[in-house]
């Protein structure tokens, strides 16, 4: 999907690609914690049937519930686990602190 238009520097084109299912689910997870609502949002973004998206949302929820563990090899070949968790912090535009 692309759109062309003429400028004084010549024709310009912008490529517009729809999001992948994984990207749509990631966006939905950022909006709400409810899996049903996430599936509805992702299905609306993708234009896919709700049943297909619900299955993918459940798969991703199970993967996220297990957590992300990365193994880092330290000195002398010793391994240690590092758990990375995503913490959602929402800041509002009118919440500016002034130094007085």
PDB file of N, CA and C in Angstrom:
ATOM      1  N   UNK A   1       0.838  -1.164   0.000  1.00  0.00           N
ATOM      2  CA  UNK A   1       0.000   0.000   0.000  1.00  0.00           C
ATOM      3  C   UNK A   1       0.886   1.231   0.000  1.00  0.00           C
ATOM      4  N   UNK A   2       0.797   2.020  -1.047  1.00  0.00           N
ATOM      5  CA  UNK A   2       1.586   3.233  -1.088  1.00  0.00           C
ATOM      6  C   UNK A   2       0.761   4.348  -1.708  1.00  0.00           C
ATOM      7  N   UNK A   3       1.168   5.539  -1.441  1.00  0.00           N
ATOM      8  CA  UNK A   3       0.474   6.711  -1.930  1.00  0.00           C
ATOM      9  C   UNK A   3       1.519   7.639  -2.524  1.00  0.00           C
ATOM     10  N   UNK A   4       1.287   8.113  -3.733  1.00  0.00           N
ATOM     11  CA  UNK A   4       2.225   9.015  -4.396  1.00  0.00           C
ATOM     12  C   UNK A   4       1.644  10.418  -4.449  1.00  0.00           C
ATOM     13  N   UNK A   5       2.492  11.412  -4.340  1.00  0.00           N
ATOM     14  CA  UNK A   5       2.080  12.793  -4.574  1.00  0.00           C
ATOM     15  C   UNK A   5       3.296  13.548  -5.085  1.00  0.00           C
ATOM     16  N   UNK A   6       3.027  14.628  -5.805  1.00  0.00           N
ATOM     17  CA  UNK A   6       4.096  15.422  -6.413  1.00  0.00           C
ATOM     18  C   UNK A   6       4.434  16.603  -5.520  1.00  0.00           C
ATOM     19  N   UNK A   7       5.730  16.828  -5.351  1.00  0.00           N
ATOM     20  CA  UNK A   7       6.220  17.986  -4.630  1.00  0.00           C
ATOM     21  C   UNK A   7       7.116  18.764  -5.581  1.00  0.00           C
ATOM     22  N   UNK A   8       7.619  19.894  -5.131  1.00  0.00           N
ATOM     23  CA  UNK A   8       8.510  20.672  -5.997  1.00  0.00           C
ATOM     24  C   UNK A   8       9.841  19.953  -6.214  1.00  0.00           C
ATOM     25  N   UNK A   9      10.128  18.941  -5.387  1.00  0.00           N
ATOM     26  CA  UNK A   9      11.359  18.161  -5.532  1.00  0.00           C
ATOM     27  C   UNK A   9      11.134  16.871  -6.306  1.00  0.00           C
ATOM     28  N   UNK A  10       9.916  16.651  -6.771  1.00  0.00           N
ATOM     29  CA  UNK A  10       9.608  15.446  -7.525  1.00  0.00           C
ATOM     30  C   UNK A  10       8.582  14.602  -6.791  1.00  0.00           C
ATOM     31  N   UNK A  11       8.231  13.451  -7.378  1.00  0.00           N
ATOM     32  CA  UNK A  11       7.216  12.607  -6.742  1.00  0.00           C
ATOM     33  C   UNK A  11       7.739  11.974  -5.447  1.00  0.00           C
ATOM     34  N   UNK A  12       6.853  11.889  -4.460  1.00  0.00           N
ATOM     35  CA  UNK A  12       7.193  11.282  -3.169  1.00  0.00           C
ATOM     36  C   UNK A  12       6.217  10.148  -2.904  1.00  0.00           C
ATOM     37  N   UNK A  13       6.695   9.141  -2.216  1.00  0.00           N
ATOM     38  CA  UNK A  13       5.879   7.975  -1.917  1.00  0.00           C
ATOM     39  C   UNK A  13       6.039   7.616  -0.444  1.00  0.00           C
ATOM     40  N   UNK A  14       4.928   7.301   0.212  1.00  0.00           N
ATOM     41  CA  UNK A  14       4.943   6.849   1.599  1.00  0.00           C
ATOM     42  C   UNK A  14       4.396   5.435   1.625  1.00  0.00           C
ATOM     43  N   UNK A  15       5.117   4.554   2.226  1.00  0.00           N
ATOM     44  CA  UNK A  15       4.678   3.171   2.330  1.00  0.00           C
ATOM     45  C   UNK A  15       3.909   2.996   3.625  1.00  0.00           C
ATOM     46  N   UNK A  16       2.727   2.444   3.531  1.00  0.00           N
ATOM     47  CA  UNK A  16       1.885   2.215   4.706  1.00  0.00           C
ATOM     48  C   UNK A  16       1.615   0.723   4.813  1.00  0.00           C
ATOM     49  N   UNK A  17       2.187   0.112   5.831  1.00  0.00           N
ATOM     50  CA  UNK A  17       1.998  -1.321   6.059  1.00  0.00           C
ATOM     51  C   UNK A  17       1.129  -1.524   7.282  1.00  0.00           C
ATOM     52  N   UNK A  18       0.190  -2.455   7.211  1.00  0.00           N
ATOM     53  CA  UNK A  18      -0.602  -2.759   8.413  1.00  0.00           C
ATOM     54  C   UNK A  18       0.291  -3.445   9.448  1.00  0.00           C
ATOM     55  N   UNK A  19      -0.061  -3.355  10.734  1.00  0.00           N
ATOM     56  CA  UNK A  19       0.769  -3.995  11.761  1.00  0.00           C
ATOM     57  C   UNK A  19       0.687  -5.517  11.665  1.00  0.00           C
ATOM     58  N   UNK A  20       1.722  -6.174  12.162  1.00  0.00           N
ATOM     59  CA  UNK A  20       1.665  -7.628  12.262  1.00  0.00           C
ATOM     60  C   UNK A  20       0.785  -7.981  13.457  1.00  0.00           C
ATOM     61  N   UNK A  21       0.393  -9.239  13.542  1.00  0.00           N
ATOM     62  CA  UNK A  21      -0.465  -9.665  14.646  1.00  0.00           C
ATOM     63  C   UNK A  21       0.251  -9.477  15.980  1.00  0.00           C
ATOM     64  N   UNK A  22       1.533  -9.771  16.015  1.00  0.00           N
ATOM     65  CA  UNK A  22       2.314  -9.607  17.249  1.00  0.00           C
ATOM     66  C   UNK A  22       2.356  -8.137  17.673  1.00  0.00           C
ATOM     67  N   UNK A  23       2.527  -7.231  16.713  1.00  0.00           N
ATOM     68  CA  UNK A  23       2.549  -5.809  17.029  1.00  0.00           C
ATOM     69  C   UNK A  23       1.183  -5.327  17.519  1.00  0.00           C
ATOM     70  N   UNK A  24       0.117  -5.831  16.907  1.00  0.00           N
ATOM     71  CA  UNK A  24      -1.229  -5.446  17.318  1.00  0.00           C
ATOM     72  C   UNK A  24      -1.523  -5.921  18.742  1.00  0.00           C
ATOM     73  N   UNK A  25      -1.094  -7.132  19.066  1.00  0.00           N
ATOM     74  CA  UNK A  25      -1.310  -7.658  20.420  1.00  0.00           C
ATOM     75  C   UNK A  25      -0.480  -6.876  21.429  1.00  0.00           C
ATOM     76  N   UNK A  26       0.751  -6.537  21.067  1.00  0.00           N
ATOM     77  CA  UNK A  26       1.610  -5.745  21.951  1.00  0.00           C
ATOM     78  C   UNK A  26       0.968  -4.394  22.252  1.00  0.00           C
ATOM     79  N   UNK A  27       0.393  -3.760  21.227  1.00  0.00           N
ATOM     80  CA  UNK A  27      -0.289  -2.480  21.429  1.00  0.00           C
ATOM     81  C   UNK A  27      -1.503  -2.652  22.336  1.00  0.00           C
ATOM     82  N   UNK A  28      -2.248  -3.730  22.147  1.00  0.00           N
ATOM     83  CA  UNK A  28      -3.440  -3.976  22.961  1.00  0.00           C
ATOM     84  C   UNK A  28      -3.072  -4.242  24.418  1.00  0.00           C
ATOM     85  N   UNK A  29      -1.955  -4.932  24.645  1.00  0.00           N
ATOM     86  CA  UNK A  29      -1.506  -5.211  26.012  1.00  0.00           C
ATOM     87  C   UNK A  29      -1.159  -3.900  26.715  1.00  0.00           C
ATOM     88  N   UNK A  30      -0.617  -2.940  25.974  1.00  0.00           N
ATOM     89  CA  UNK A  30      -0.291  -1.647  26.561  1.00  0.00           C
ATOM     90  C   UNK A  30      -1.516  -0.830  26.922  1.00  0.00           C
ATOM     91  N   UNK A  31      -2.660  -1.137  26.303  1.00  0.00           N
ATOM     92  CA  UNK A  31      -3.879  -0.377  26.563  1.00  0.00           C
ATOM     93  C   UNK A  31      -4.672  -0.945  27.730  1.00  0.00           C
ATOM     94  N   UNK A  32      -4.795  -2.272  27.776  1.00  0.00           N
ATOM     95  CA  UNK A  32      -5.641  -2.886  28.810  1.00  0.00           C
ATOM     96  C   UNK A  32      -5.042  -4.198  29.297  1.00  0.00           C
ATOM     97  N   UNK A  33      -5.453  -4.629  30.492  1.00  0.00           N
ATOM     98  CA  UNK A  33      -4.980  -5.899  31.039  1.00  0.00           C
ATOM     99  C   UNK A  33      -5.951  -7.039  30.769  1.00  0.00           C
ATOM    100  N   UNK A  34      -7.170  -6.733  30.353  1.00  0.00           N
ATOM    101  CA  UNK A  34      -8.195  -7.738  30.093  1.00  0.00           C
ATOM    102  C   UNK A  34      -7.910  -8.440  28.758  1.00  0.00           C
ATOM    103  N   UNK A  35      -7.775  -9.770  28.790  1.00  0.00           N
ATOM    104  CA  UNK A  35      -7.433 -10.522  27.579  1.00  0.00           C
ATOM    105  C   UNK A  35      -8.517 -10.440  26.516  1.00  0.00           C
ATOM    106  N   UNK A  36      -9.769 -10.415  26.936  1.00  0.00           N
ATOM    107  CA  UNK A  36     -10.878 -10.316  25.970  1.00  0.00           C
ATOM    108  C   UNK A  36     -10.817  -8.985  25.218  1.00  0.00           C
ATOM    109  N   UNK A  37     -10.573  -7.910  25.967  1.00  0.00           N
ATOM    110  CA  UNK A  37     -10.465  -6.587  25.350  1.00  0.00           C
ATOM    111  C   UNK A  37      -9.230  -6.501  24.462  1.00  0.00           C
ATOM    112  N   UNK A  38      -8.137  -7.132  24.892  1.00  0.00           N
ATOM    113  CA  UNK A  38      -6.932  -7.149  24.062  1.00  0.00           C
ATOM    114  C   UNK A  38      -7.198  -7.824  22.725  1.00  0.00           C
ATOM    115  N   UNK A  39      -7.919  -8.935  22.760  1.00  0.00           N
ATOM    116  CA  UNK A  39      -8.232  -9.659  21.531  1.00  0.00           C
ATOM    117  C   UNK A  39      -9.110  -8.808  20.619  1.00  0.00           C
ATOM    118  N   UNK A  40     -10.078  -8.103  21.192  1.00  0.00           N
ATOM    119  CA  UNK A  40     -10.955  -7.255  20.389  1.00  0.00           C
ATOM    120  C   UNK A  40     -10.182  -6.113  19.743  1.00  0.00           C
ATOM    121  N   UNK A  41      -9.284  -5.493  20.490  1.00  0.00           N
ATOM    122  CA  UNK A  41      -8.492  -4.389  19.964  1.00  0.00           C
ATOM    123  C   UNK A  41      -7.575  -4.879  18.843  1.00  0.00           C
ATOM    124  N   UNK A  42      -6.877  -5.985  19.081  1.00  0.00           N
ATOM    125  CA  UNK A  42      -5.963  -6.520  18.069  1.00  0.00           C
ATOM    126  C   UNK A  42      -6.725  -6.963  16.819  1.00  0.00           C
ATOM    127  N   UNK A  43      -7.898  -7.559  16.991  1.00  0.00           N
ATOM    128  CA  UNK A  43      -8.702  -7.986  15.846  1.00  0.00           C
ATOM    129  C   UNK A  43      -9.161  -6.779  15.039  1.00  0.00           C
ATOM    130  N   UNK A  44      -9.514  -5.700  15.723  1.00  0.00           N
ATOM    131  CA  UNK A  44      -9.935  -4.487  15.027  1.00  0.00           C
ATOM    132  C   UNK A  44      -8.771  -3.865  14.254  1.00  0.00           C
ATOM    133  N   UNK A  45      -7.575  -3.878  14.844  1.00  0.00           N
ATOM    134  CA  UNK A  45      -6.407  -3.326  14.156  1.00  0.00           C
ATOM    135  C   UNK A  45      -6.033  -4.138  12.924  1.00  0.00           C
ATOM    136  N   UNK A  46      -6.170  -5.450  13.028  1.00  0.00           N
ATOM    137  CA  UNK A  46      -5.732  -6.330  11.952  1.00  0.00           C
ATOM    138  C   UNK A  46      -6.839  -6.639  10.948  1.00  0.00           C
ATOM    139  N   UNK A  47      -8.089  -6.531  11.354  1.00  0.00           N
ATOM    140  CA  UNK A  47      -9.184  -6.928  10.479  1.00  0.00           C
ATOM    141  C   UNK A  47      -9.308  -8.438  10.379  1.00  0.00           C
ATOM    142  N   UNK A  48      -8.940  -9.137  11.459  1.00  0.00           N
ATOM    143  CA  UNK A  48      -8.997 -10.598  11.503  1.00  0.00           C
ATOM    144  C   UNK A  48     -10.178 -11.034  12.361  1.00  0.00           C
ATOM    145  N   UNK A  49     -10.595 -12.301  12.217  1.00  0.00           N
ATOM    146  CA  UNK A  49     -11.674 -12.807  13.074  1.00  0.00           C
ATOM    147  C   UNK A  49     -11.230 -12.862  14.541  1.00  0.00           C
ATOM    148  N   UNK A  50     -12.171 -12.599  15.425  1.00  0.00           N
ATOM    149  CA  UNK A  50     -11.873 -12.521  16.855  1.00  0.00           C
ATOM    150  C   UNK A  50     -11.347 -13.844  17.408  1.00  0.00           C
ATOM    151  N   UNK A  51     -11.872 -14.981  16.935  1.00  0.00           N
ATOM    152  CA  UNK A  51     -11.463 -16.290  17.458  1.00  0.00           C
ATOM    153  C   UNK A  51      -9.976 -16.555  17.202  1.00  0.00           C
ATOM    154  N   UNK A  52      -9.511 -16.185  16.013  1.00  0.00           N
ATOM    155  CA  UNK A  52      -8.098 -16.409  15.672  1.00  0.00           C
ATOM    156  C   UNK A  52      -7.186 -15.560  16.558  1.00  0.00           C
ATOM    157  N   UNK A  53      -7.588 -14.327  16.790  1.00  0.00           N
ATOM    158  CA  UNK A  53      -6.772 -13.417  17.596  1.00  0.00           C
ATOM    159  C   UNK A  53      -6.792 -13.832  19.062  1.00  0.00           C
ATOM    160  N   UNK A  54      -7.941 -14.327  19.557  1.00  0.00           N
ATOM    161  CA  UNK A  54      -8.022 -14.762  20.957  1.00  0.00           C
ATOM    162  C   UNK A  54      -7.023 -15.867  21.244  1.00  0.00           C
ATOM    163  N   UNK A  55      -6.850 -16.787  20.304  1.00  0.00           N
ATOM    164  CA  UNK A  55      -5.888 -17.872  20.509  1.00  0.00           C
ATOM    165  C   UNK A  55      -4.472 -17.321  20.636  1.00  0.00           C
ATOM    166  N   UNK A  56      -4.133 -16.353  19.802  1.00  0.00           N
ATOM    167  CA  UNK A  56      -2.787 -15.769  19.862  1.00  0.00           C
ATOM    168  C   UNK A  56      -2.581 -14.948  21.127  1.00  0.00           C
ATOM    169  N   UNK A  57      -3.615 -14.251  21.577  1.00  0.00           N
ATOM    170  CA  UNK A  57      -3.513 -13.466  22.817  1.00  0.00           C
ATOM    171  C   UNK A  57      -3.269 -14.393  23.996  1.00  0.00           C
ATOM    172  N   UNK A  58      -3.959 -15.526  24.029  1.00  0.00           N
ATOM    173  CA  UNK A  58      -3.772 -16.488  25.120  1.00  0.00           C
ATOM    174  C   UNK A  58      -2.371 -17.073  25.100  1.00  0.00           C
ATOM    175  N   UNK A  59      -1.846 -17.365  23.898  1.00  0.00           N
ATOM    176  CA  UNK A  59      -0.476 -17.889  23.789  1.00  0.00           C
ATOM    177  C   UNK A  59       0.526 -16.882  24.331  1.00  0.00           C
ATOM    178  N   UNK A  60       0.352 -15.616  23.934  1.00  0.00           N
ATOM    179  CA  UNK A  60       1.286 -14.599  24.389  1.00  0.00           C
ATOM    180  C   UNK A  60       1.149 -14.338  25.880  1.00  0.00           C
ATOM    181  N   UNK A  61      -0.052 -14.439  26.422  1.00  0.00           N
ATOM    182  CA  UNK A  61      -0.249 -14.234  27.854  1.00  0.00           C
ATOM    183  C   UNK A  61       0.459 -15.324  28.648  1.00  0.00           C
ATOM    184  N   UNK A  62       0.392 -16.553  28.141  1.00  0.00           N
ATOM    185  CA  UNK A  62       1.100 -17.656  28.821  1.00  0.00           C
ATOM    186  C   UNK A  62       2.608 -17.435  28.777  1.00  0.00           C
ATOM    187  N   UNK A  63       3.103 -16.982  27.638  1.00  0.00           N
ATOM    188  CA  UNK A  63       4.545 -16.734  27.506  1.00  0.00           C
ATOM    189  C   UNK A  63       4.974 -15.596  28.428  1.00  0.00           C
ATOM    190  N   UNK A  64       4.153 -14.553  28.541  1.00  0.00           N
ATOM    191  CA  UNK A  64       4.488 -13.426  29.410  1.00  0.00           C
ATOM    192  C   UNK A  64       4.361 -13.794  30.884  1.00  0.00           C
ATOM    193  N   UNK A  65       3.462 -14.720  31.214  1.00  0.00           N
ATOM    194  CA  UNK A  65       3.284 -15.133  32.607  1.00  0.00           C
ATOM    195  C   UNK A  65       4.516 -15.880  33.117  1.00  0.00           C
ATOM    196  N   UNK A  66       5.161 -16.602  32.226  1.00  0.00           N
ATOM    197  CA  UNK A  66       6.374 -17.331  32.631  1.00  0.00           C
ATOM    198  C   UNK A  66       7.505 -16.376  32.938  1.00  0.00           C
ATOM    199  N   UNK A  67       7.471 -15.191  32.363  1.00  0.00           N
ATOM    200  CA  UNK A  67       8.525 -14.207  32.614  1.00  0.00           C
ATOM    201  C   UNK A  67       9.665 -14.378  31.628  1.00  0.00           C
ATOM    202  N   UNK A  68      10.455 -13.380  31.558  1.00  0.00           N
ATOM    203  CA  UNK A  68      11.599 -13.397  30.666  1.00  0.00           C
ATOM    204  C   UNK A  68      12.842 -13.648  31.495  1.00  0.00           C
ATOM    205  N   UNK A  69      13.520 -14.726  31.209  1.00  0.00           N
ATOM    206  CA  UNK A  69      14.744 -15.065  31.917  1.00  0.00           C
ATOM    207  C   UNK A  69      15.875 -15.147  30.909  1.00  0.00           C
ATOM    208  N   UNK A  70      16.929 -14.454  31.179  1.00  0.00           N
ATOM    209  CA  UNK A  70      18.102 -14.499  30.311  1.00  0.00           C
ATOM    210  C   UNK A  70      19.273 -15.026  31.121  1.00  0.00           C
ATOM    211  N   UNK A  71      20.050 -15.871  30.509  1.00  0.00           N
ATOM    212  CA  UNK A  71      21.206 -16.441  31.184  1.00  0.00           C
ATOM    213  C   UNK A  71      22.445 -15.714  30.692  1.00  0.00           C
ATOM    214  N   UNK A  72      23.210 -15.192  31.637  1.00  0.00           N
ATOM    215  CA  UNK A  72      24.421 -14.455  31.309  1.00  0.00           C
ATOM    216  C   UNK A  72      25.603 -15.245  31.855  1.00  0.00           C
ATOM    217  N   UNK A  73      26.535 -15.536  30.979  1.00  0.00           N
ATOM    218  CA  UNK A  73      27.733 -16.254  31.410  1.00  0.00           C
ATOM    219  C   UNK A  73      28.705 -15.250  32.006  1.00  0.00           C
ATOM    220  N   UNK A  74      29.046 -15.456  33.256  1.00  0.00           N
ATOM    221  CA  UNK A  74      29.965 -14.552  33.946  1.00  0.00           C
ATOM    222  C   UNK A  74      31.392 -15.047  33.823  1.00  0.00           C
ATOM    223  N   UNK A  75      32.197 -14.635  34.764  1.00  0.00           N
ATOM    224  CA  UNK A  75      33.597 -15.047  34.766  1.00  0.00           C
ATOM    225  C   UNK A  75      33.708 -16.535  35.072  1.00  0.00           C
ATOM    226  N   UNK A  76      34.668 -17.163  34.520  1.00  0.00           N
ATOM    227  CA  UNK A  76      34.993 -18.573  34.739  1.00  0.00           C
ATOM    228  C   UNK A  76      33.848 -19.489  34.313  1.00  0.00           C
ATOM    229  N   UNK A  77      33.024 -19.039  33.373  1.00  0.00           N
ATOM    230  CA  UNK A  77      31.977 -19.886  32.837  1.00  0.00           C
ATOM    231  C   UNK A  77      30.780 -20.079  33.741  1.00  0.00           C
ATOM    232  N   UNK A  78      30.739 -19.403  34.885  1.00  0.00           N
ATOM    233  CA  UNK A  78      29.596 -19.537  35.791  1.00  0.00           C
ATOM    234  C   UNK A  78      28.389 -18.843  35.164  1.00  0.00           C
ATOM    235  N   UNK A  79      27.221 -19.459  35.319  1.00  0.00           N
ATOM    236  CA  UNK A  79      26.011 -18.867  34.769  1.00  0.00           C
ATOM    237  C   UNK A  79      25.135 -18.347  35.892  1.00  0.00           C
ATOM    238  N   UNK A  80      24.455 -17.264  35.608  1.00  0.00           N
ATOM    239  CA  UNK A  80      23.509 -16.733  36.573  1.00  0.00           C
ATOM    240  C   UNK A  80      22.281 -16.263  35.807  1.00  0.00           C
ATOM    241  N   UNK A  81      21.154 -16.316  36.440  1.00  0.00           N
ATOM    242  CA  UNK A  81      19.904 -15.929  35.795  1.00  0.00           C
ATOM    243  C   UNK A  81      19.585 -14.478  36.103  1.00  0.00           C
ATOM    244  N   UNK A  82      19.085 -13.792  35.107  1.00  0.00           N
ATOM    245  CA  UNK A  82      18.633 -12.420  35.270  1.00  0.00           C
ATOM    246  C   UNK A  82      17.177 -12.381  34.834  1.00  0.00           C
ATOM    247  N   UNK A  83      16.305 -11.921  35.701  1.00  0.00           N
ATOM    248  CA  UNK A  83      14.884 -11.830  35.383  1.00  0.00           C
ATOM    249  C   UNK A  83      14.578 -10.389  35.006  1.00  0.00           C
ATOM    250  N   UNK A  84      14.006 -10.214  33.825  1.00  0.00           N
ATOM    251  CA  UNK A  84      13.655  -8.886  33.340  1.00  0.00           C
ATOM    252  C   UNK A  84      12.145  -8.771  33.372  1.00  0.00           C
ATOM    253  N   UNK A  85      11.644  -7.786  34.085  1.00  0.00           N
ATOM    254  CA  UNK A  85      10.207  -7.565  34.170  1.00  0.00           C
ATOM    255  C   UNK A  85       9.893  -6.178  33.649  1.00  0.00           C
ATOM    256  N   UNK A  86       8.764  -6.066  32.975  1.00  0.00           N
ATOM    257  CA  UNK A  86       8.345  -4.776  32.447  1.00  0.00           C
ATOM    258  C   UNK A  86       7.426  -4.123  33.456  1.00  0.00           C
ATOM    259  N   UNK A  87       7.743  -2.918  33.834  1.00  0.00           N
ATOM    260  CA  UNK A  87       6.920  -2.171  34.775  1.00  0.00           C
ATOM    261  C   UNK A  87       6.262  -1.019  34.027  1.00  0.00           C
ATOM    262  N   UNK A  88       4.959  -0.948  34.102  1.00  0.00           N
ATOM    263  CA  UNK A  88       4.227   0.083  33.388  1.00  0.00           C
ATOM    264  C   UNK A  88       4.160   1.332  34.250  1.00  0.00           C
ATOM    265  N   UNK A  89       4.672   2.421  33.720  1.00  0.00           N
ATOM    266  CA  UNK A  89       4.622   3.695  34.401  1.00  0.00           C
ATOM    267  C   UNK A  89       3.895   4.657  33.472  1.00  0.00           C
ATOM    268  N   UNK A  90       2.795   5.173  33.937  1.00  0.00           N
ATOM    269  CA  UNK A  90       2.046   6.125  33.115  1.00  0.00           C
ATOM    270  C   UNK A  90       2.168   7.502  33.735  1.00  0.00           C
ATOM    271  N   UNK A  91       2.659   8.409  32.927  1.00  0.00           N
ATOM    272  CA  UNK A  91       2.822   9.778  33.398  1.00  0.00           C
ATOM    273  C   UNK A  91       1.852  10.663  32.646  1.00  0.00           C
ATOM    274  N   UNK A  92       1.369  11.644  33.325  1.00  0.00           N
ATOM    275  CA  UNK A  92       0.423  12.558  32.723  1.00  0.00           C
ATOM    276  C   UNK A  92       1.137  13.851  32.385  1.00  0.00           C
ATOM    277  N   UNK A  93       0.703  14.508  31.327  1.00  0.00           N
ATOM    278  CA  UNK A  93       1.334  15.734  30.858  1.00  0.00           C
ATOM    279  C   UNK A  93       1.241  16.881  31.852  1.00  0.00           C
ATOM    280  N   UNK A  94       0.197  16.927  32.667  1.00  0.00           N
ATOM    281  CA  UNK A  94       0.033  18.015  33.612  1.00  0.00           C
ATOM    282  C   UNK A  94       0.693  17.746  34.963  1.00  0.00           C
ATOM    283  N   UNK A  95       1.421  16.652  35.067  1.00  0.00           N
ATOM    284  CA  UNK A  95       2.074  16.280  36.318  1.00  0.00           C
ATOM    285  C   UNK A  95       3.533  16.716  36.277  1.00  0.00           C
ATOM    286  N   UNK A  96       3.756  18.006  36.058  1.00  0.00           N
ATOM    287  CA  UNK A  96       5.120  18.529  36.008  1.00  0.00           C
ATOM    288  C   UNK A  96       5.488  19.086  37.369  1.00  0.00           C
ATOM    289  N   UNK A  97       6.634  18.728  37.813  1.00  0.00           N
ATOM    290  CA  UNK A  97       7.078  19.202  39.112  1.00  0.00           C
ATOM    291  C   UNK A  97       7.952  20.420  38.932  1.00  0.00           C
ATOM    292  N   UNK A  98       7.750  21.388  39.752  1.00  0.00           N
ATOM    293  CA  UNK A  98       8.531  22.612  39.666  1.00  0.00           C
ATOM    294  C   UNK A  98       9.493  22.662  40.834  1.00  0.00           C
ATOM    295  N   UNK A  99      10.640  23.215  40.585  1.00  0.00           N
ATOM    296  CA  UNK A  99      11.644  23.357  41.638  1.00  0.00           C
ATOM    297  C   UNK A  99      11.491  24.711  42.286  1.00  0.00           C
ATOM    298  N   UNK A 100      10.840  24.749  43.438  1.00  0.00           N
ATOM    299  CA  UNK A 100      10.653  26.007  44.158  1.00  0.00           C
ATOM    300  C   UNK A 100      11.218  25.927  45.536  1.00  0.00           C
TER     301      UNK A 100
END
